[in-house]
């Protein structure tokens, strides 16, 4: 069943409440293709591999978490080298590209962070930044909690252990949010799960005596776009397929 591109984009923008966010990325349609869509490919980040897979699968739209553009007037996009190749492939094949960044991290039903909370058994959650803080039903040893995270997300996490070595209250913010370790601690969390770690934060996190888990930017941000694809498929009766262009970072 073919559906108007505009209807799908409008639905996503309204459902994710993109107007409520100040974001470094453009949320919505980034490259215009055909006006009618029958198949959509969803993925974490735009790449040549993802585009070529969309072409192979005869998709008319790609929806990603990390797209092309920034909202900064001072740094407009310049398409050269690999970016030019990506854009050329999209335009030649008349494929729509849409991206949804912070709205997809923070959404309280299908977003990356609420999905991670559900996956890891974090309950009684409250929002902070683009993520959530909540509690396990039962306290765990940090090592056991790390094993659960690694198994659920199919990763090998980088970790920092607090002195207590126990986990009860957990803050979760997907992607590159390691700089939020202070506010996570201030909210009373003993553990922070995110998707990145900068060298200059390692000692600070140790000194804050906070359990820390870097489960990878890519792997902490798959669930939201998968959920969005499933939602679109159900509402519009179009085919939506997730393409896993794996990335350990």
Protein backbone atom coordinates (compact mmCIF):
# COMPACT_ATOMS: atom_id res chain seq x y z
CA UNK A 1 0.00 0.00 0.00
CA UNK A 2 1.42 3.37 -1.02
CA UNK A 3 1.15 6.33 1.37
CA UNK A 4 2.01 9.97 0.83
CA UNK A 5 5.46 10.89 2.08
CA UNK A 6 4.03 14.06 3.59
CA UNK A 7 1.55 12.12 5.73
CA UNK A 8 4.27 9.92 7.22
CA UNK A 9 6.57 12.85 7.97
CA UNK A 10 3.77 14.93 9.49
CA UNK A 11 2.74 12.02 11.70
CA UNK A 12 6.31 11.51 12.95
CA UNK A 13 6.80 15.22 13.65
CA UNK A 14 3.56 15.42 15.63
CA UNK A 15 3.97 12.11 17.47
CA UNK A 16 7.57 12.87 18.50
CA UNK A 17 6.71 16.53 19.27
CA UNK A 18 9.73 17.82 17.41
CA UNK A 19 8.71 21.46 17.95
CA UNK A 20 9.34 21.02 21.68
CA UNK A 21 13.07 20.41 21.14
CA UNK A 22 16.05 22.66 20.55
CA UNK A 23 18.33 20.31 18.66
CA UNK A 24 21.63 20.43 16.80
CA UNK A 25 20.08 18.22 14.15
CA UNK A 26 17.22 18.88 11.75
CA UNK A 27 14.23 16.74 12.72
CA UNK A 28 12.01 15.76 9.82
CA UNK A 29 12.49 15.47 6.08
CA UNK A 30 16.09 16.16 5.03
CA UNK A 31 16.14 14.97 1.40
CA UNK A 32 12.95 14.91 -0.67
CA UNK A 33 12.29 11.92 -2.90
CA UNK A 34 9.15 10.37 -4.33
CA UNK A 35 5.75 11.58 -3.13
CA UNK A 36 4.37 8.06 -2.46
CA UNK A 37 5.97 5.47 -0.16
CA UNK A 38 5.47 1.70 -0.02
CA UNK A 39 8.60 0.55 1.81
CA UNK A 40 10.72 2.28 4.47
CA UNK A 41 14.19 1.38 5.74
CA UNK A 42 15.04 2.49 9.28
CA UNK A 43 18.53 2.67 10.73
CA UNK A 44 20.61 4.44 13.36
CA UNK A 45 22.88 6.58 11.16
CA UNK A 46 22.90 7.59 7.52
CA UNK A 47 25.70 5.92 5.56
CA UNK A 48 26.47 4.70 2.07
CA UNK A 49 25.94 1.12 3.27
CA UNK A 50 22.48 1.95 4.56
CA UNK A 51 21.50 3.79 1.38
CA UNK A 52 22.72 0.98 -0.87
CA UNK A 53 20.74 -1.52 1.21
CA UNK A 54 17.65 0.66 0.80
CA UNK A 55 18.19 0.70 -2.96
CA UNK A 56 18.66 -3.08 -2.98
CA UNK A 57 15.42 -3.55 -1.04
CA UNK A 58 13.54 -1.11 -3.31
CA UNK A 59 12.65 1.31 -0.49
CA UNK A 60 11.31 4.80 -1.13
CA UNK A 61 12.22 6.25 2.27
CA UNK A 62 14.97 6.01 4.87
CA UNK A 63 14.38 7.12 8.46
CA UNK A 64 17.41 7.46 10.75
CA UNK A 65 18.34 8.78 14.18
CA UNK A 66 21.49 10.52 12.91
CA UNK A 67 20.88 12.25 9.58
CA UNK A 68 22.69 14.82 7.44
CA UNK A 69 22.15 18.32 8.66
CA UNK A 70 22.74 20.62 11.62
CA UNK A 71 20.60 23.64 12.50
CA UNK A 72 23.65 25.88 12.79
CA UNK A 73 23.68 28.76 10.30
CA UNK A 74 27.41 29.19 10.92
CA UNK A 75 28.16 25.64 9.74
CA UNK A 76 25.93 24.91 6.74
CA UNK A 77 26.30 21.44 5.18
CA UNK A 78 28.94 21.19 2.45
CA UNK A 79 28.51 18.10 0.31
CA UNK A 80 31.91 16.80 -0.73
CA UNK A 81 33.68 13.46 -0.79
CA UNK A 82 31.64 10.76 1.00
CA UNK A 83 28.74 13.16 1.69
CA UNK A 84 28.43 13.88 -2.02
CA UNK A 85 28.26 10.14 -2.73
CA UNK A 86 25.49 9.65 -0.19
CA UNK A 87 23.45 12.55 -1.51
CA UNK A 88 23.98 11.45 -5.13
CA UNK A 89 22.66 7.96 -4.35
CA UNK A 90 19.57 9.36 -2.64
CA UNK A 91 18.79 11.83 -5.44
CA UNK A 92 19.46 9.41 -8.30
CA UNK A 93 17.13 6.84 -6.72
CA UNK A 94 14.52 9.40 -5.61
CA UNK A 95 14.67 8.19 -1.99
CA UNK A 96 13.31 10.32 0.87
CA UNK A 97 15.58 10.78 3.89
CA UNK A 98 14.19 11.76 7.29
CA UNK A 99 15.96 12.06 10.63
CA UNK A 100 14.73 12.30 14.21
CA UNK A 101 17.33 12.96 16.90
CA UNK A 102 16.57 14.23 20.43
CA UNK A 103 12.80 13.72 20.05
CA UNK A 104 13.51 10.03 19.45
CA UNK A 105 15.85 9.83 22.44
CA UNK A 106 13.40 11.41 24.84
CA UNK A 107 10.01 10.09 23.73
CA UNK A 108 8.25 8.55 26.78
CA UNK A 109 6.66 5.66 24.86
CA UNK A 110 8.91 4.53 21.99
CA UNK A 111 12.14 6.49 22.56
CA UNK A 112 15.64 5.11 22.98
CA UNK A 113 15.84 5.81 26.69
CA UNK A 114 12.44 4.60 27.86
CA UNK A 115 13.03 1.48 25.75
CA UNK A 116 16.36 0.88 27.51
CA UNK A 117 14.62 1.32 30.87
CA UNK A 118 12.03 -1.30 29.95
CA UNK A 119 14.69 -3.66 28.60
CA UNK A 120 16.76 -3.43 31.79
CA UNK A 121 13.85 -3.54 34.24
CA UNK A 122 14.13 0.07 35.41
CA UNK A 123 10.81 1.18 36.91
CA UNK A 124 9.20 4.27 38.51
CA UNK A 125 11.04 6.40 35.97
CA UNK A 126 11.27 10.18 35.90
CA UNK A 127 12.61 12.23 32.94
CA UNK A 128 15.86 14.19 33.05
CA UNK A 129 17.68 15.71 30.10
CA UNK A 130 16.74 13.37 27.20
CA UNK A 131 16.70 10.32 29.45
CA UNK A 132 15.15 8.81 32.55
CA UNK A 133 16.12 7.86 36.08
CA UNK A 134 14.43 5.02 37.93
CA UNK A 135 14.95 1.96 40.10
CA UNK A 136 15.44 -1.77 39.84
CA UNK A 137 12.86 -3.82 41.70
CA UNK A 138 15.76 -5.47 43.55
CA UNK A 139 19.31 -4.31 44.21
CA UNK A 140 21.99 -6.04 42.12
CA UNK A 141 25.74 -6.40 42.22
CA UNK A 142 27.33 -4.08 39.67
CA UNK A 143 29.04 -6.97 37.87
CA UNK A 144 25.72 -8.79 37.46
CA UNK A 145 24.03 -5.66 36.17
CA UNK A 146 26.83 -5.12 33.62
CA UNK A 147 26.43 -8.71 32.40
CA UNK A 148 22.71 -8.10 31.92
CA UNK A 149 23.34 -4.89 29.98
CA UNK A 150 25.91 -6.60 27.76
CA UNK A 151 23.62 -9.55 27.07
CA UNK A 152 20.50 -7.47 26.38
CA UNK A 153 22.33 -5.08 24.05
CA UNK A 154 24.83 -7.58 22.60
CA UNK A 155 27.78 -5.38 23.63
CA UNK A 156 30.97 -5.42 25.67
CA UNK A 157 30.63 -2.33 27.84
CA UNK A 158 33.36 -0.09 29.23
CA UNK A 159 32.67 0.27 32.95
CA UNK A 160 33.71 2.16 36.07
CA UNK A 161 32.70 0.68 39.41
CA UNK A 162 31.72 2.71 42.47
CA UNK A 163 33.02 1.66 45.87
CA UNK A 164 29.77 0.01 46.90
CA UNK A 165 29.62 -2.19 43.80
CA UNK A 166 25.82 -2.19 44.08
CA UNK A 167 23.08 -1.06 41.70
CA UNK A 168 19.60 0.12 42.66
CA UNK A 169 18.82 3.58 41.20
CA UNK A 170 19.86 4.00 37.55
CA UNK A 171 20.06 6.95 35.17
CA UNK A 172 19.89 6.19 31.45
CA UNK A 173 20.70 8.59 28.61
CA UNK A 174 21.62 7.00 25.29
CA UNK A 175 24.38 8.16 22.97
CA UNK A 176 27.03 10.74 23.79
CA UNK A 177 25.76 11.82 27.21
CA UNK A 178 28.65 10.96 29.52
CA UNK A 179 28.90 14.65 30.48
CA UNK A 180 25.63 14.23 32.40
CA UNK A 181 27.31 12.17 35.13
CA UNK A 182 27.07 15.00 37.67
CA UNK A 183 23.33 15.57 37.34
CA UNK A 184 22.81 11.80 37.36
CA UNK A 185 24.60 11.57 40.70
CA UNK A 186 22.73 14.62 42.05
CA UNK A 187 19.43 12.87 41.30
CA UNK A 188 20.48 10.11 43.69
CA UNK A 189 21.42 7.49 41.11
CA UNK A 190 24.21 5.06 41.95
CA UNK A 191 24.60 3.97 38.30
CA UNK A 192 24.70 5.77 34.95
CA UNK A 193 24.19 3.98 31.64
CA UNK A 194 25.05 5.88 28.47
CA UNK A 195 26.72 5.39 25.10
CA UNK A 196 30.06 7.21 25.25
CA UNK A 197 32.96 8.21 27.48
CA UNK A 198 35.41 11.07 27.07
CA UNK A 199 38.86 10.66 28.58
CA UNK A 200 38.56 13.78 30.71
CA UNK A 201 35.44 12.41 32.45
CA UNK A 202 36.93 9.08 33.58
CA UNK A 203 38.66 10.32 36.74
CA UNK A 204 35.75 12.66 37.55
CA UNK A 205 33.26 9.78 37.45
CA UNK A 206 35.55 7.74 39.70
CA UNK A 207 35.79 10.62 42.15
CA UNK A 208 31.99 11.08 42.12
CA UNK A 209 31.82 7.40 43.20
CA UNK A 210 29.31 6.55 40.49
CA UNK A 211 28.89 3.24 38.69
CA UNK A 212 29.27 3.97 34.99
CA UNK A 213 28.47 1.89 31.91
CA UNK A 214 29.35 2.93 28.38
CA UNK A 215 27.35 0.48 26.27
CA UNK A 216 28.15 2.20 22.98
CA UNK A 217 26.52 5.06 21.07
CA UNK A 218 25.13 2.86 18.29
CA UNK A 219 23.83 0.04 20.44
CA UNK A 220 22.07 2.34 22.93
CA UNK A 221 20.26 4.08 20.06
CA UNK A 222 18.80 1.23 17.99
CA UNK A 223 15.56 0.67 19.85
CA UNK A 224 13.89 4.03 19.19
CA UNK A 225 14.13 3.93 15.42
CA UNK A 226 13.05 0.26 15.38
CA UNK A 227 10.00 1.20 17.44
CA UNK A 228 9.23 4.14 15.17
CA UNK A 229 9.38 1.88 12.13
CA UNK A 230 7.01 -0.61 13.76
CA UNK A 231 4.60 2.19 14.65
CA UNK A 232 4.60 3.58 11.10
CA UNK A 233 4.10 0.09 9.64
CA UNK A 234 1.09 -0.50 11.87
CA UNK A 235 -0.52 2.90 11.28
CA UNK A 236 0.03 3.25 7.53
CA UNK A 237 0.19 -0.41 6.45
CA UNK A 238 3.55 0.11 4.73
CA UNK A 239 6.59 -2.15 4.98
CA UNK A 240 9.28 -1.00 7.44
CA UNK A 241 12.55 -2.88 7.80
CA UNK A 242 15.42 -2.19 10.21
CA UNK A 243 18.89 -2.44 8.67
CA UNK A 244 21.60 -3.09 11.24
CA UNK A 245 24.79 -1.43 10.00
CA UNK A 246 26.68 -2.64 13.06
CA UNK A 247 29.02 -0.28 14.90
CA UNK A 248 30.77 -1.06 18.20
CA UNK A 249 31.29 2.64 19.02
